[in-house]
Amino acid sequence: MKKILLSLALVTAANSALAVGHKIVAESFACQSKDFYSKTALYAAQGDRDAFVKSLGAGILTGECIMLEPGQKIFISDTELLSGLVRLRKPGETVEYWTDVSMTE
């Protein structure tokens, strides 16, 4: 039991730098599935407004995606530098979402 608690403490300490003091800097969206987020963001980058609105709308209706507001506090649980994405969650929540790292501070 002591080894489990020690391991948990070490993991918590190692991840604390990722978790503390982050916020959203611009209105944006995030999705539970990295693939769904990337696909939806690609529609926006391509300038296909209709496809973007359909995809994001479907994601929000199903609970796959959420809207993020500037100043909203978040916890970051993972960063993928090559893809430019971060996985985050809202305080008090357990569901995690992916968004672009440029939307966080």
Protein backbone atom coordinates (compact mmCIF):
# COMPACT_ATOMS: atom_id res chain seq x y z
CA MET A 1 0.00 0.00 0.00
CA LYS A 2 2.86 2.39 0.81
CA LYS A 3 4.36 1.78 -2.64
CA ILE A 4 1.04 2.62 -4.29
CA LEU A 5 0.72 5.85 -2.32
CA LEU A 6 4.34 6.79 -3.05
CA SER A 7 3.82 6.11 -6.75
CA LEU A 8 0.66 8.22 -6.75
CA ALA A 9 2.50 11.07 -5.02
CA LEU A 10 5.32 10.95 -7.58
CA VAL A 11 2.93 10.90 -10.52
CA THR A 12 0.97 13.78 -9.02
CA ALA A 13 4.12 15.83 -8.48
CA ALA A 14 5.37 15.12 -12.00
CA ASN A 15 2.08 16.16 -13.55
CA SER A 16 1.53 19.24 -11.40
CA ALA A 17 3.42 21.45 -13.84
CA LEU A 18 0.93 20.46 -16.54
CA ALA A 19 -2.11 20.98 -14.35
CA VAL A 20 -1.72 24.31 -12.59
CA GLY A 21 -2.71 27.81 -13.61
CA HIS A 22 -3.96 27.53 -17.19
CA LYS A 23 -6.79 29.36 -18.88
CA ILE A 24 -8.45 29.77 -22.26
CA VAL A 25 -7.30 32.87 -24.17
CA ALA A 26 -9.88 33.04 -26.98
CA GLU A 27 -13.32 31.69 -27.75
CA SER A 28 -12.76 28.20 -29.10
CA PHE A 29 -13.97 24.62 -28.98
CA ALA A 30 -12.64 21.31 -27.71
CA CYS A 31 -13.63 17.69 -28.38
CA GLN A 32 -13.23 14.42 -26.49
CA SER A 33 -11.86 12.69 -29.57
CA LYS A 34 -8.60 14.05 -30.95
CA ASP A 35 -9.61 12.85 -34.43
CA PHE A 36 -13.00 14.60 -34.26
CA TYR A 37 -11.35 17.82 -33.11
CA SER A 38 -8.72 17.65 -35.87
CA LYS A 39 -11.33 16.93 -38.55
CA THR A 40 -13.53 19.82 -37.42
CA ALA A 41 -10.58 22.23 -37.16
CA LEU A 42 -9.48 21.19 -40.66
CA TYR A 43 -12.86 22.26 -42.07
CA ALA A 44 -12.34 25.69 -40.50
CA ALA A 45 -8.75 25.93 -41.81
CA GLN A 46 -9.96 25.04 -45.31
CA GLY A 47 -12.54 27.83 -45.12
CA ASP A 48 -15.45 25.39 -45.46
CA ARG A 49 -17.80 27.16 -43.08
CA ASP A 50 -20.77 24.87 -43.79
CA ALA A 51 -18.81 21.70 -43.01
CA PHE A 52 -17.30 23.32 -39.90
CA VAL A 53 -20.69 24.43 -38.55
CA LYS A 54 -22.24 21.00 -39.25
CA SER A 55 -19.40 19.11 -37.61
CA LEU A 56 -19.14 21.34 -34.54
CA GLY A 57 -22.92 21.49 -34.18
CA ALA A 58 -23.16 17.70 -34.26
CA GLY A 59 -20.32 17.46 -31.76
CA ILE A 60 -21.98 19.86 -29.35
CA LEU A 61 -25.37 18.15 -29.66
CA THR A 62 -23.90 14.73 -28.87
CA GLY A 63 -21.68 16.03 -26.06
CA GLU A 64 -18.54 15.16 -28.01
CA CYS A 65 -17.48 18.84 -28.09
CA ILE A 66 -17.79 21.89 -25.87
CA MET A 67 -17.32 25.60 -26.33
CA LEU A 68 -14.55 27.32 -24.37
CA GLU A 69 -14.70 30.95 -23.23
CA PRO A 70 -11.79 33.40 -22.77
CA GLY A 71 -10.58 33.46 -19.17
CA GLN A 72 -12.06 30.04 -18.39
CA LYS A 73 -9.78 28.12 -16.01
CA ILE A 74 -8.65 24.68 -17.11
CA PHE A 75 -6.33 21.85 -16.16
CA ILE A 76 -4.01 20.52 -18.86
CA SER A 77 -3.38 16.78 -18.65
CA ASP A 78 -1.40 16.19 -21.85
CA THR A 79 0.47 18.17 -24.50
CA GLU A 80 1.30 16.85 -27.95
CA LEU A 81 3.87 19.19 -29.38
CA LEU A 82 3.97 17.63 -32.85
CA SER A 83 0.22 17.97 -33.37
CA GLY A 84 -0.05 21.29 -31.51
CA LEU A 85 -2.87 19.94 -29.33
CA VAL A 86 -3.48 19.83 -25.60
CA ARG A 87 -5.84 17.66 -23.59
CA LEU A 88 -7.70 19.60 -20.93
CA ARG A 89 -10.54 19.40 -18.46
CA LYS A 90 -12.64 21.92 -16.59
CA PRO A 91 -12.16 22.21 -12.81
CA GLY A 92 -14.36 19.69 -11.01
CA GLU A 93 -14.95 17.66 -14.17
CA THR A 94 -13.46 14.31 -15.18
CA VAL A 95 -14.17 14.40 -18.92
CA GLU A 96 -11.16 15.54 -20.96
CA TYR A 97 -11.13 17.35 -24.29
CA TRP A 98 -8.60 18.19 -27.01
CA THR A 99 -8.02 21.68 -28.39
CA ASP A 100 -5.28 23.73 -30.04
CA VAL A 101 -2.44 24.71 -27.71
CA SER A 102 -2.65 28.30 -28.97
CA MET A 103 -6.05 28.61 -27.24
CA THR A 104 -4.44 28.11 -23.82
CA GLU A 105 -2.15 30.05 -21.59
